[in-house]
Amino acid sequence: MIGKITSSSSHITYVCQVYGEREVPNPPRAEEYGFGTFVGISQRGGGYLVGVISNTTLLNPEFGTLGPRLSPEADLAVFAPDYLSEKLTLVSITILGAVDDAGRVTQGVPTVAAEIDAPVRRLTQEEIIAFHRAGGSLQIAYLPMLLNNASKDPLMGALALDLIGQLERLFPEEGSRLALLKGNVAWRARVEPLG
């Protein structure tokens, strides 16, 4: 598990708090929740939302506070084991679709939203391939949704290029089609900011 859903800013944009050292026995490594990582958000009743990590925010409420500390941070584990560090890593997740409890794939905006505290995990390579092989051929129906959000979030163009790059490695037989698509997306990412 990577973490849990803590909030959302829209039906397709969620914030996940990454588990820290004292929250789980094996906290995730940074590369497990990096930019462009495909994730699954568990749904009540089965199935999961498919998303991708689209941004990272680091929170450190202690930064900028001056004054004496009662105990050095290293001593807190010994003298105050129940102390909760308020330093957090939060990742933004953009939803790309869903997989229901029967394994049916829907790409685009899902009907049902995620819930607070829903567990977030990294998808396996097999799950990523199955999500993109709906109907037997390569599907990327969520791409226009990502590109339309590029005007609001400048990372969306880079995210789209990253995802296409991942798909080139997973679907080498689609290399020429994906290379053409990648060229078009790269051109759009360069030209659209110019107005």
N, C-alpha and C. Protein backbone atom coordinates (compact mmCIF):
# COMPACT_ATOMS: atom_id res chain seq x y z
N MET A 1 0.83 -1.18 0.00
CA MET A 1 0.00 0.00 0.00
C MET A 1 0.88 1.25 0.00
N ILE A 2 0.41 2.25 -0.73
CA ILE A 2 1.12 3.52 -0.79
C ILE A 2 0.62 4.47 0.29
N GLY A 3 -0.71 4.51 0.45
CA GLY A 3 -1.28 5.44 1.41
C GLY A 3 -2.79 5.37 1.39
N LYS A 4 -3.42 6.50 1.75
CA LYS A 4 -4.88 6.55 1.82
C LYS A 4 -5.37 7.90 1.32
N ILE A 5 -6.59 7.92 0.80
CA ILE A 5 -7.19 9.14 0.28
C ILE A 5 -7.56 10.04 1.46
N THR A 6 -7.17 11.32 1.37
CA THR A 6 -7.49 12.26 2.44
C THR A 6 -8.43 13.37 2.00
N SER A 7 -8.45 13.69 0.70
CA SER A 7 -9.33 14.76 0.22
C SER A 7 -9.40 14.71 -1.30
N SER A 8 -10.23 15.59 -1.85
CA SER A 8 -10.30 15.72 -3.31
C SER A 8 -10.55 17.17 -3.66
N SER A 9 -10.18 17.55 -4.87
CA SER A 9 -10.49 18.89 -5.35
C SER A 9 -11.48 18.82 -6.51
N SER A 10 -11.77 17.60 -6.98
CA SER A 10 -12.78 17.40 -8.01
C SER A 10 -13.13 15.91 -8.05
N HIS A 11 -14.04 15.54 -8.95
CA HIS A 11 -14.46 14.14 -9.06
C HIS A 11 -13.32 13.24 -9.55
N ILE A 12 -12.31 13.84 -10.21
CA ILE A 12 -11.22 13.02 -10.75
C ILE A 12 -9.84 13.39 -10.17
N THR A 13 -9.80 14.28 -9.19
CA THR A 13 -8.52 14.67 -8.61
C THR A 13 -8.56 14.46 -7.11
N TYR A 14 -7.68 13.60 -6.62
CA TYR A 14 -7.65 13.23 -5.21
C TYR A 14 -6.29 13.47 -4.61
N VAL A 15 -6.26 13.58 -3.29
CA VAL A 15 -5.01 13.70 -2.55
C VAL A 15 -4.86 12.45 -1.70
N CYS A 16 -3.69 11.85 -1.79
CA CYS A 16 -3.35 10.65 -1.02
C CYS A 16 -2.22 10.98 -0.06
N GLN A 17 -2.43 10.65 1.20
CA GLN A 17 -1.35 10.78 2.18
C GLN A 17 -0.52 9.52 2.12
N VAL A 18 0.75 9.68 1.81
CA VAL A 18 1.67 8.54 1.72
C VAL A 18 1.99 8.09 3.14
N TYR A 19 1.93 6.77 3.36
CA TYR A 19 2.23 6.23 4.68
C TYR A 19 3.67 6.53 5.09
N GLY A 20 3.82 6.93 6.35
CA GLY A 20 5.13 7.24 6.90
C GLY A 20 5.70 6.08 7.69
N GLU A 21 6.86 6.32 8.28
CA GLU A 21 7.60 5.25 8.97
C GLU A 21 6.84 4.61 10.12
N ARG A 22 6.12 5.37 10.90
CA ARG A 22 5.46 4.79 12.08
C ARG A 22 4.02 4.37 11.81
N GLU A 23 3.56 4.53 10.57
CA GLU A 23 2.16 4.21 10.27
C GLU A 23 1.97 2.77 9.80
N VAL A 24 2.95 2.25 9.08
CA VAL A 24 2.88 0.88 8.57
C VAL A 24 4.24 0.21 8.73
N PRO A 25 4.27 -1.12 8.79
CA PRO A 25 5.55 -1.82 8.97
C PRO A 25 6.55 -1.57 7.84
N ASN A 26 6.06 -1.52 6.60
CA ASN A 26 6.94 -1.30 5.45
C ASN A 26 6.46 -0.11 4.64
N PRO A 27 6.86 1.10 5.04
CA PRO A 27 6.40 2.28 4.30
C PRO A 27 6.93 2.25 2.86
N PRO A 28 6.19 2.84 1.93
CA PRO A 28 6.63 2.81 0.53
C PRO A 28 7.89 3.64 0.30
N ARG A 29 8.70 3.19 -0.64
CA ARG A 29 9.88 3.94 -1.06
C ARG A 29 9.44 5.03 -2.04
N ALA A 30 10.22 6.08 -2.16
CA ALA A 30 9.87 7.22 -3.01
C ALA A 30 9.56 6.80 -4.45
N GLU A 31 10.30 5.83 -4.99
CA GLU A 31 10.06 5.41 -6.38
C GLU A 31 8.73 4.68 -6.56
N GLU A 32 8.11 4.26 -5.46
CA GLU A 32 6.81 3.58 -5.55
C GLU A 32 5.65 4.55 -5.71
N TYR A 33 5.89 5.84 -5.47
CA TYR A 33 4.82 6.82 -5.63
C TYR A 33 5.31 8.03 -6.43
N GLY A 34 6.18 7.77 -7.39
CA GLY A 34 6.72 8.83 -8.23
C GLY A 34 5.73 9.30 -9.28
N PHE A 35 6.05 10.42 -9.90
CA PHE A 35 5.24 11.02 -10.97
C PHE A 35 4.98 10.00 -12.06
N GLY A 36 3.73 9.86 -12.45
CA GLY A 36 3.36 8.94 -13.53
C GLY A 36 3.12 7.51 -13.09
N THR A 37 3.14 7.24 -11.78
CA THR A 37 2.90 5.89 -11.29
C THR A 37 1.40 5.57 -11.35
N PHE A 38 1.06 4.44 -11.97
CA PHE A 38 -0.34 4.00 -12.02
C PHE A 38 -0.72 3.42 -10.66
N VAL A 39 -1.88 3.86 -10.15
CA VAL A 39 -2.35 3.40 -8.85
C VAL A 39 -3.80 2.95 -8.93
N GLY A 40 -4.19 2.15 -7.94
CA GLY A 40 -5.57 1.72 -7.79
C GLY A 40 -6.10 2.21 -6.45
N ILE A 41 -7.31 2.76 -6.47
CA ILE A 41 -7.98 3.21 -5.25
C ILE A 41 -9.15 2.26 -5.01
N SER A 42 -9.08 1.52 -3.92
CA SER A 42 -10.11 0.51 -3.63
C SER A 42 -11.48 1.14 -3.49
N GLN A 43 -12.49 0.44 -4.03
CA GLN A 43 -13.88 0.86 -3.94
C GLN A 43 -14.64 -0.07 -3.02
N ARG A 44 -15.58 0.47 -2.27
CA ARG A 44 -16.42 -0.37 -1.42
C ARG A 44 -17.24 -1.29 -2.33
N GLY A 45 -17.33 -2.54 -1.99
CA GLY A 45 -18.08 -3.50 -2.80
C GLY A 45 -17.27 -4.15 -3.89
N GLY A 46 -15.99 -3.80 -4.01
CA GLY A 46 -15.13 -4.42 -5.01
C GLY A 46 -14.79 -3.46 -6.14
N GLY A 47 -13.79 -3.84 -6.88
CA GLY A 47 -13.32 -2.99 -7.96
C GLY A 47 -12.43 -1.88 -7.43
N TYR A 48 -11.93 -1.07 -8.36
CA TYR A 48 -11.05 0.02 -7.98
C TYR A 48 -11.02 1.09 -9.06
N LEU A 49 -10.74 2.31 -8.62
CA LEU A 49 -10.50 3.40 -9.55
C LEU A 49 -9.06 3.30 -10.01
N VAL A 50 -8.82 3.60 -11.27
CA VAL A 50 -7.46 3.61 -11.81
C VAL A 50 -7.04 5.07 -11.95
N GLY A 51 -5.91 5.37 -11.36
CA GLY A 51 -5.41 6.74 -11.43
C GLY A 51 -3.92 6.75 -11.67
N VAL A 52 -3.40 7.96 -11.74
CA VAL A 52 -1.97 8.14 -11.95
C VAL A 52 -1.51 9.29 -11.06
N ILE A 53 -0.34 9.13 -10.48
CA ILE A 53 0.20 10.19 -9.62
C ILE A 53 0.65 11.35 -10.50
N SER A 54 0.06 12.52 -10.21
CA SER A 54 0.27 13.67 -11.08
C SER A 54 0.98 14.84 -10.41
N ASN A 55 1.26 14.75 -9.11
CA ASN A 55 1.97 15.82 -8.42
C ASN A 55 2.33 15.35 -7.01
N THR A 56 3.26 16.04 -6.39
CA THR A 56 3.68 15.74 -5.02
C THR A 56 3.76 17.03 -4.23
N THR A 57 3.30 16.97 -2.98
CA THR A 57 3.40 18.11 -2.06
C THR A 57 4.02 17.61 -0.77
N LEU A 58 5.01 18.34 -0.28
CA LEU A 58 5.65 18.01 0.98
C LEU A 58 5.18 19.02 2.02
N LEU A 59 4.73 18.52 3.18
CA LEU A 59 4.27 19.40 4.25
C LEU A 59 5.17 19.24 5.46
N ASN A 60 5.64 20.37 5.97
CA ASN A 60 6.45 20.38 7.17
C ASN A 60 6.02 21.58 8.01
N PRO A 61 5.03 21.39 8.89
CA PRO A 61 4.54 22.51 9.67
C PRO A 61 5.58 23.10 10.62
N GLU A 62 6.66 22.36 10.90
CA GLU A 62 7.69 22.86 11.81
C GLU A 62 8.62 23.86 11.13
N PHE A 63 8.63 23.90 9.79
CA PHE A 63 9.54 24.79 9.08
C PHE A 63 9.20 26.24 9.42
N GLY A 64 10.21 26.99 9.78
CA GLY A 64 10.01 28.40 10.07
C GLY A 64 9.63 28.70 11.50
N THR A 65 9.40 27.66 12.31
CA THR A 65 9.09 27.93 13.71
C THR A 65 10.39 27.99 14.48
N LEU A 66 10.53 29.05 15.21
CA LEU A 66 11.74 29.23 16.00
C LEU A 66 11.41 28.96 17.45
N GLY A 67 12.39 28.63 18.19
CA GLY A 67 12.17 28.41 19.62
C GLY A 67 12.73 27.08 20.06
N PRO A 68 12.79 26.90 21.36
CA PRO A 68 13.38 25.66 21.88
C PRO A 68 12.48 24.46 21.67
N ARG A 69 13.09 23.33 21.49
CA ARG A 69 12.38 22.07 21.38
C ARG A 69 12.53 21.36 22.73
N LEU A 70 11.48 20.71 23.18
CA LEU A 70 11.56 19.99 24.44
C LEU A 70 12.45 18.76 24.33
N SER A 71 12.38 18.10 23.17
CA SER A 71 13.20 16.92 22.94
C SER A 71 13.68 16.93 21.50
N PRO A 72 14.91 16.50 21.27
CA PRO A 72 15.35 16.33 19.88
C PRO A 72 14.48 15.25 19.21
N GLU A 73 14.30 15.39 17.91
CA GLU A 73 13.41 14.46 17.20
C GLU A 73 13.84 13.00 17.36
N ALA A 74 15.14 12.74 17.41
CA ALA A 74 15.62 11.35 17.56
C ALA A 74 15.18 10.76 18.90
N ASP A 75 15.04 11.60 19.94
CA ASP A 75 14.65 11.10 21.27
C ASP A 75 13.15 10.86 21.39
N LEU A 76 12.37 11.44 20.48
CA LEU A 76 10.92 11.30 20.60
C LEU A 76 10.46 9.85 20.49
N ALA A 77 11.13 9.05 19.67
CA ALA A 77 10.74 7.64 19.53
C ALA A 77 10.90 6.88 20.83
N VAL A 78 11.87 7.32 21.67
CA VAL A 78 12.12 6.66 22.94
C VAL A 78 11.23 7.22 24.05
N PHE A 79 11.22 8.55 24.17
CA PHE A 79 10.53 9.19 25.29
C PHE A 79 9.04 9.47 25.02
N ALA A 80 8.66 9.56 23.76
CA ALA A 80 7.25 9.83 23.41
C ALA A 80 6.88 9.01 22.18
N PRO A 81 6.78 7.68 22.34
CA PRO A 81 6.54 6.83 21.16
C PRO A 81 5.20 7.11 20.47
N ASP A 82 4.27 7.74 21.17
CA ASP A 82 2.98 8.05 20.56
C ASP A 82 2.99 9.40 19.84
N TYR A 83 4.14 10.07 19.84
CA TYR A 83 4.26 11.36 19.15
C TYR A 83 4.00 11.16 17.66
N LEU A 84 3.14 11.99 17.10
CA LEU A 84 2.85 11.92 15.67
C LEU A 84 3.58 13.02 14.94
N SER A 85 4.42 12.66 14.04
CA SER A 85 5.09 13.65 13.22
C SER A 85 4.07 14.24 12.26
N GLU A 86 4.08 15.56 12.15
CA GLU A 86 3.14 16.21 11.25
C GLU A 86 3.74 16.45 9.87
N LYS A 87 4.94 15.94 9.66
CA LYS A 87 5.56 16.03 8.33
C LYS A 87 4.90 14.99 7.44
N LEU A 88 4.42 15.43 6.29
CA LEU A 88 3.67 14.54 5.41
C LEU A 88 4.14 14.65 3.97
N THR A 89 4.00 13.56 3.26
CA THR A 89 4.12 13.57 1.80
C THR A 89 2.74 13.29 1.26
N LEU A 90 2.26 14.20 0.42
CA LEU A 90 0.96 14.05 -0.22
C LEU A 90 1.17 13.95 -1.71
N VAL A 91 0.44 13.06 -2.35
CA VAL A 91 0.51 12.95 -3.81
C VAL A 91 -0.88 13.19 -4.38
N SER A 92 -0.91 13.93 -5.48
CA SER A 92 -2.16 14.13 -6.21
C SER A 92 -2.35 12.97 -7.16
N ILE A 93 -3.58 12.50 -7.25
CA ILE A 93 -3.91 11.40 -8.15
C ILE A 93 -4.99 11.88 -9.10
N THR A 94 -4.73 11.73 -10.39
CA THR A 94 -5.72 12.03 -11.41
C THR A 94 -6.32 10.71 -11.87
N ILE A 95 -7.64 10.62 -11.79
CA ILE A 95 -8.33 9.38 -12.15
C ILE A 95 -8.43 9.25 -13.67
N LEU A 96 -8.14 8.04 -14.16
CA LEU A 96 -8.18 7.74 -15.59
C LEU A 96 -9.34 6.82 -15.96
N GLY A 97 -9.95 6.18 -14.96
CA GLY A 97 -11.03 5.24 -15.23
C GLY A 97 -11.27 4.34 -14.03
N ALA A 98 -11.87 3.19 -14.30
CA ALA A 98 -12.21 2.26 -13.22
C ALA A 98 -12.24 0.83 -13.74
N VAL A 99 -12.07 -0.09 -12.80
CA VAL A 99 -12.23 -1.52 -13.07
C VAL A 99 -13.24 -2.01 -12.04
N ASP A 100 -14.36 -2.59 -12.52
CA ASP A 100 -15.38 -3.04 -11.57
C ASP A 100 -15.02 -4.40 -10.99
N ASP A 101 -15.86 -4.90 -10.09
CA ASP A 101 -15.55 -6.16 -9.40
C ASP A 101 -15.56 -7.36 -10.33
N ALA A 102 -16.13 -7.22 -11.53
CA ALA A 102 -16.10 -8.29 -12.53
C ALA A 102 -14.93 -8.15 -13.50
N GLY A 103 -14.11 -7.11 -13.31
CA GLY A 103 -12.95 -6.92 -14.18
C GLY A 103 -13.23 -6.09 -15.42
N ARG A 104 -14.44 -5.52 -15.54
CA ARG A 104 -14.76 -4.68 -16.70
C ARG A 104 -14.10 -3.31 -16.54
N VAL A 105 -13.49 -2.84 -17.63
CA VAL A 105 -12.73 -1.59 -17.62
C VAL A 105 -13.56 -0.46 -18.22
N THR A 106 -13.51 0.69 -17.57
CA THR A 106 -14.09 1.92 -18.10
C THR A 106 -13.00 2.98 -18.06
N GLN A 107 -12.71 3.59 -19.19
CA GLN A 107 -11.74 4.68 -19.21
C GLN A 107 -12.49 6.01 -19.27
N GLY A 108 -11.95 7.02 -18.62
CA GLY A 108 -12.59 8.33 -18.55
C GLY A 108 -13.12 8.57 -17.15
N VAL A 109 -14.09 9.47 -17.05
CA VAL A 109 -14.63 9.85 -15.74
C VAL A 109 -15.52 8.73 -15.21
N PRO A 110 -15.18 8.19 -14.03
CA PRO A 110 -16.00 7.12 -13.45
C PRO A 110 -17.29 7.67 -12.84
N THR A 111 -18.27 6.82 -12.68
CA THR A 111 -19.54 7.23 -12.10
C THR A 111 -19.41 7.49 -10.61
N VAL A 112 -18.71 6.60 -9.91
CA VAL A 112 -18.62 6.66 -8.45
C VAL A 112 -17.28 7.27 -8.04
N ALA A 113 -17.32 8.12 -7.03
CA ALA A 113 -16.11 8.76 -6.52
C ALA A 113 -15.42 7.87 -5.49
N ALA A 114 -14.18 8.20 -5.20
CA ALA A 114 -13.45 7.52 -4.13
C ALA A 114 -13.98 7.98 -2.78
N GLU A 115 -13.63 7.25 -1.74
CA GLU A 115 -14.05 7.61 -0.38
C GLU A 115 -12.84 8.01 0.45
N ILE A 116 -13.09 8.82 1.46
CA ILE A 116 -12.03 9.20 2.40
C ILE A 116 -11.48 7.92 3.04
N ASP A 117 -10.20 7.87 3.21
CA ASP A 117 -9.46 6.75 3.80
C ASP A 117 -9.40 5.51 2.91
N ALA A 118 -9.86 5.61 1.65
CA ALA A 118 -9.76 4.47 0.74
C ALA A 118 -8.28 4.16 0.51
N PRO A 119 -7.89 2.89 0.59
CA PRO A 119 -6.48 2.53 0.39
C PRO A 119 -6.05 2.74 -1.06
N VAL A 120 -4.81 3.16 -1.21
CA VAL A 120 -4.21 3.40 -2.52
C VAL A 120 -3.01 2.47 -2.65
N ARG A 121 -2.95 1.76 -3.78
CA ARG A 121 -1.84 0.84 -4.01
C ARG A 121 -1.30 1.05 -5.41
N ARG A 122 -0.09 0.61 -5.60
CA ARG A 122 0.52 0.67 -6.93
C ARG A 122 -0.04 -0.47 -7.77
N LEU A 123 -0.38 -0.21 -9.02
CA LEU A 123 -0.88 -1.27 -9.90
C LEU A 123 0.27 -2.12 -10.42
N THR A 124 -0.02 -3.39 -10.64
CA THR A 124 0.97 -4.28 -11.24
C THR A 124 1.03 -4.02 -12.74
N GLN A 125 2.09 -4.48 -13.36
CA GLN A 125 2.22 -4.33 -14.81
C GLN A 125 1.06 -5.03 -15.53
N GLU A 126 0.64 -6.18 -15.03
CA GLU A 126 -0.47 -6.92 -15.64
C GLU A 126 -1.77 -6.12 -15.55
N GLU A 127 -2.00 -5.44 -14.43
CA GLU A 127 -3.20 -4.62 -14.28
C GLU A 127 -3.18 -3.41 -15.22
N ILE A 128 -2.01 -2.82 -15.39
CA ILE A 128 -1.88 -1.67 -16.30
C ILE A 128 -2.16 -2.11 -17.73
N ILE A 129 -1.62 -3.26 -18.13
CA ILE A 129 -1.86 -3.77 -19.48
C ILE A 129 -3.33 -4.09 -19.67
N ALA A 130 -3.95 -4.76 -18.71
CA ALA A 130 -5.38 -5.11 -18.82
C ALA A 130 -6.24 -3.85 -18.92
N PHE A 131 -5.90 -2.80 -18.17
CA PHE A 131 -6.66 -1.55 -18.22
C PHE A 131 -6.58 -0.92 -19.61
N HIS A 132 -5.44 -1.06 -20.26
CA HIS A 132 -5.26 -0.46 -21.59
C HIS A 132 -5.63 -1.39 -22.74
N ARG A 133 -5.94 -2.66 -22.45
CA ARG A 133 -6.30 -3.63 -23.49
C ARG A 133 -7.81 -3.90 -23.51
N ALA A 134 -8.60 -3.03 -22.91
CA ALA A 134 -10.05 -3.22 -22.91
C ALA A 134 -10.54 -3.34 -24.34
N GLY A 135 -11.30 -4.37 -24.63
CA GLY A 135 -11.81 -4.58 -25.98
C GLY A 135 -10.81 -5.24 -26.90
N GLY A 136 -9.66 -5.67 -26.38
CA GLY A 136 -8.70 -6.41 -27.19
C GLY A 136 -7.60 -5.58 -27.82
N SER A 137 -7.80 -4.28 -28.00
CA SER A 137 -6.76 -3.45 -28.60
C SER A 137 -6.39 -2.33 -27.65
N LEU A 138 -5.28 -1.68 -27.91
CA LEU A 138 -4.80 -0.61 -27.04
C LEU A 138 -5.81 0.54 -26.99
N GLN A 139 -6.21 0.92 -25.79
CA GLN A 139 -7.15 2.01 -25.57
C GLN A 139 -6.50 3.07 -24.68
N ILE A 140 -6.65 4.34 -25.08
CA ILE A 140 -6.18 5.47 -24.28
C ILE A 140 -7.26 6.55 -24.30
N ALA A 141 -8.48 6.16 -23.97
CA ALA A 141 -9.63 7.07 -24.06
C ALA A 141 -9.55 8.22 -23.06
N TYR A 142 -8.72 8.10 -22.04
CA TYR A 142 -8.60 9.14 -21.02
C TYR A 142 -7.68 10.28 -21.46
N LEU A 143 -6.91 10.10 -22.53
CA LEU A 143 -5.91 11.09 -22.93
C LEU A 143 -6.50 12.48 -23.21
N PRO A 144 -7.62 12.60 -23.94
CA PRO A 144 -8.19 13.94 -24.15
C PRO A 144 -8.53 14.65 -22.84
N MET A 145 -9.01 13.90 -21.85
CA MET A 145 -9.34 14.49 -20.56
C MET A 145 -8.08 15.09 -19.92
N LEU A 146 -6.96 14.38 -19.98
CA LEU A 146 -5.71 14.90 -19.44
C LEU A 146 -5.27 16.15 -20.18
N LEU A 147 -5.32 16.10 -21.49
CA LEU A 147 -4.86 17.23 -22.29
C LEU A 147 -5.75 18.45 -22.13
N ASN A 148 -7.05 18.25 -21.93
CA ASN A 148 -7.95 19.38 -21.71
C ASN A 148 -7.67 20.07 -20.37
N ASN A 149 -7.11 19.34 -19.41
CA ASN A 149 -6.77 19.93 -18.11
C ASN A 149 -5.41 20.61 -18.12
N ALA A 150 -4.69 20.55 -19.25
CA ALA A 150 -3.35 21.14 -19.31
C ALA A 150 -3.38 22.65 -19.14
N SER A 151 -4.48 23.30 -19.50
CA SER A 151 -4.55 24.75 -19.33
C SER A 151 -4.63 25.12 -17.84
N LYS A 152 -5.20 24.24 -17.01
CA LYS A 152 -5.32 24.48 -15.57
C LYS A 152 -4.09 23.97 -14.81
N ASP A 153 -3.48 22.93 -15.32
CA ASP A 153 -2.34 22.32 -14.63
C ASP A 153 -1.23 22.06 -15.64
N PRO A 154 -0.15 22.83 -15.57
CA PRO A 154 0.92 22.68 -16.56
C PRO A 154 1.62 21.33 -16.54
N LEU A 155 1.43 20.53 -15.48
CA LEU A 155 2.06 19.21 -15.44
C LEU A 155 1.31 18.17 -16.28
N MET A 156 0.09 18.46 -16.69
CA MET A 156 -0.71 17.47 -17.43
C MET A 156 -0.09 17.10 -18.78
N GLY A 157 0.51 18.08 -19.47
CA GLY A 157 1.19 17.77 -20.73
C GLY A 157 2.36 16.83 -20.50
N ALA A 158 3.15 17.11 -19.47
CA ALA A 158 4.29 16.24 -19.14
C ALA A 158 3.80 14.87 -18.70
N LEU A 159 2.68 14.84 -17.97
CA LEU A 159 2.12 13.56 -17.53
C LEU A 159 1.67 12.73 -18.73
N ALA A 160 0.98 13.36 -19.67
CA ALA A 160 0.53 12.65 -20.87
C ALA A 160 1.72 12.06 -21.62
N LEU A 161 2.79 12.82 -21.76
CA LEU A 161 3.99 12.32 -22.45
C LEU A 161 4.62 11.16 -21.68
N ASP A 162 4.65 11.27 -20.36
CA ASP A 162 5.20 10.20 -19.53
C ASP A 162 4.39 8.91 -19.69
N LEU A 163 3.06 9.04 -19.68
CA LEU A 163 2.20 7.86 -19.81
C LEU A 163 2.37 7.20 -21.17
N ILE A 164 2.46 8.00 -22.22
CA ILE A 164 2.66 7.44 -23.56
C ILE A 164 4.00 6.70 -23.61
N GLY A 165 5.03 7.27 -22.98
CA GLY A 165 6.34 6.61 -22.91
C GLY A 165 6.25 5.26 -22.21
N GLN A 166 5.48 5.20 -21.12
CA GLN A 166 5.29 3.92 -20.43
C GLN A 166 4.57 2.92 -21.32
N LEU A 167 3.57 3.40 -22.05
CA LEU A 167 2.81 2.50 -22.93
C LEU A 167 3.67 2.00 -24.09
N GLU A 168 4.61 2.81 -24.55
CA GLU A 168 5.54 2.36 -25.61
C GLU A 168 6.34 1.16 -25.12
N ARG A 169 6.74 1.17 -23.85
CA ARG A 169 7.50 0.04 -23.32
C ARG A 169 6.61 -1.19 -23.09
N LEU A 170 5.36 -0.96 -22.68
CA LEU A 170 4.45 -2.08 -22.40
C LEU A 170 3.85 -2.68 -23.67
N PHE A 171 3.72 -1.87 -24.71
CA PHE A 171 3.09 -2.32 -25.97
C PHE A 171 4.02 -2.01 -27.14
N PRO A 172 5.16 -2.73 -27.23
CA PRO A 172 6.11 -2.42 -28.31
C PRO A 172 5.52 -2.60 -29.70
N GLU A 173 4.52 -3.47 -29.84
CA GLU A 173 3.88 -3.69 -31.15
C GLU A 173 3.10 -2.46 -31.62
N GLU A 174 2.80 -1.53 -30.70
CA GLU A 174 2.07 -0.30 -31.02
C GLU A 174 3.03 0.88 -31.13
N GLY A 175 4.33 0.59 -31.24
CA GLY A 175 5.35 1.63 -31.20
C GLY A 175 5.16 2.76 -32.20
N SER A 176 4.83 2.44 -33.45
CA SER A 176 4.72 3.50 -34.46
C SER A 176 3.52 4.40 -34.17
N ARG A 177 2.38 3.82 -33.78
CA ARG A 177 1.19 4.63 -33.46
C ARG A 177 1.44 5.50 -32.24
N LEU A 178 2.08 4.93 -31.22
CA LEU A 178 2.35 5.68 -30.00
C LEU A 178 3.39 6.77 -30.24
N ALA A 179 4.38 6.52 -31.10
CA ALA A 179 5.38 7.54 -31.41
C ALA A 179 4.73 8.73 -32.12
N LEU A 180 3.79 8.46 -33.01
CA LEU A 180 3.06 9.53 -33.69
C LEU A 180 2.23 10.33 -32.68
N LEU A 181 1.54 9.63 -31.82
CA LEU A 181 0.74 10.28 -30.78
C LEU A 181 1.63 11.12 -29.86
N LYS A 182 2.76 10.57 -29.49
CA LYS A 182 3.69 11.28 -28.61
C LYS A 182 4.19 12.56 -29.26
N GLY A 183 4.48 12.50 -30.55
CA GLY A 183 4.90 13.70 -31.28
C GLY A 183 3.82 14.77 -31.29
N ASN A 184 2.57 14.36 -31.50
CA ASN A 184 1.46 15.31 -31.50
C ASN A 184 1.26 15.94 -30.12
N VAL A 185 1.33 15.13 -29.07
CA VAL A 185 1.15 15.64 -27.71
C VAL A 185 2.31 16.58 -27.35
N ALA A 186 3.52 16.23 -27.74
CA ALA A 186 4.68 17.08 -27.44
C ALA A 186 4.54 18.42 -28.15
N TRP A 187 4.11 18.40 -29.39
CA TRP A 187 3.90 19.65 -30.14
C TRP A 187 2.84 20.50 -29.45
N ARG A 188 1.74 19.88 -29.08
CA ARG A 188 0.64 20.60 -28.41
C ARG A 188 1.13 21.21 -27.09
N ALA A 189 1.93 20.46 -26.34
CA ALA A 189 2.44 20.95 -25.06
C ALA A 189 3.35 22.16 -25.24
N ARG A 190 4.05 22.23 -26.36
CA ARG A 190 4.94 23.37 -26.63
C ARG A 190 4.18 24.58 -27.17
N VAL A 191 3.16 24.34 -27.99
CA VAL A 191 2.46 25.44 -28.69
C VAL A 191 1.36 26.06 -27.84
N GLU A 192 0.56 25.26 -27.13
CA GLU A 192 -0.60 25.79 -26.41
C GLU A 192 -0.25 26.84 -25.36
N PRO A 193 0.85 26.71 -24.61
CA PRO A 193 1.15 27.76 -23.64
C PRO A 193 1.42 29.13 -24.28
N LEU A 194 1.75 29.13 -25.57
CA LEU A 194 2.03 30.39 -26.27
C LEU A 194 0.75 31.16 -26.58
N GLY A 195 -0.38 30.48 -26.46
CA GLY A 195 -1.68 31.15 -26.64
C GLY A 195 -2.13 31.05 -28.04
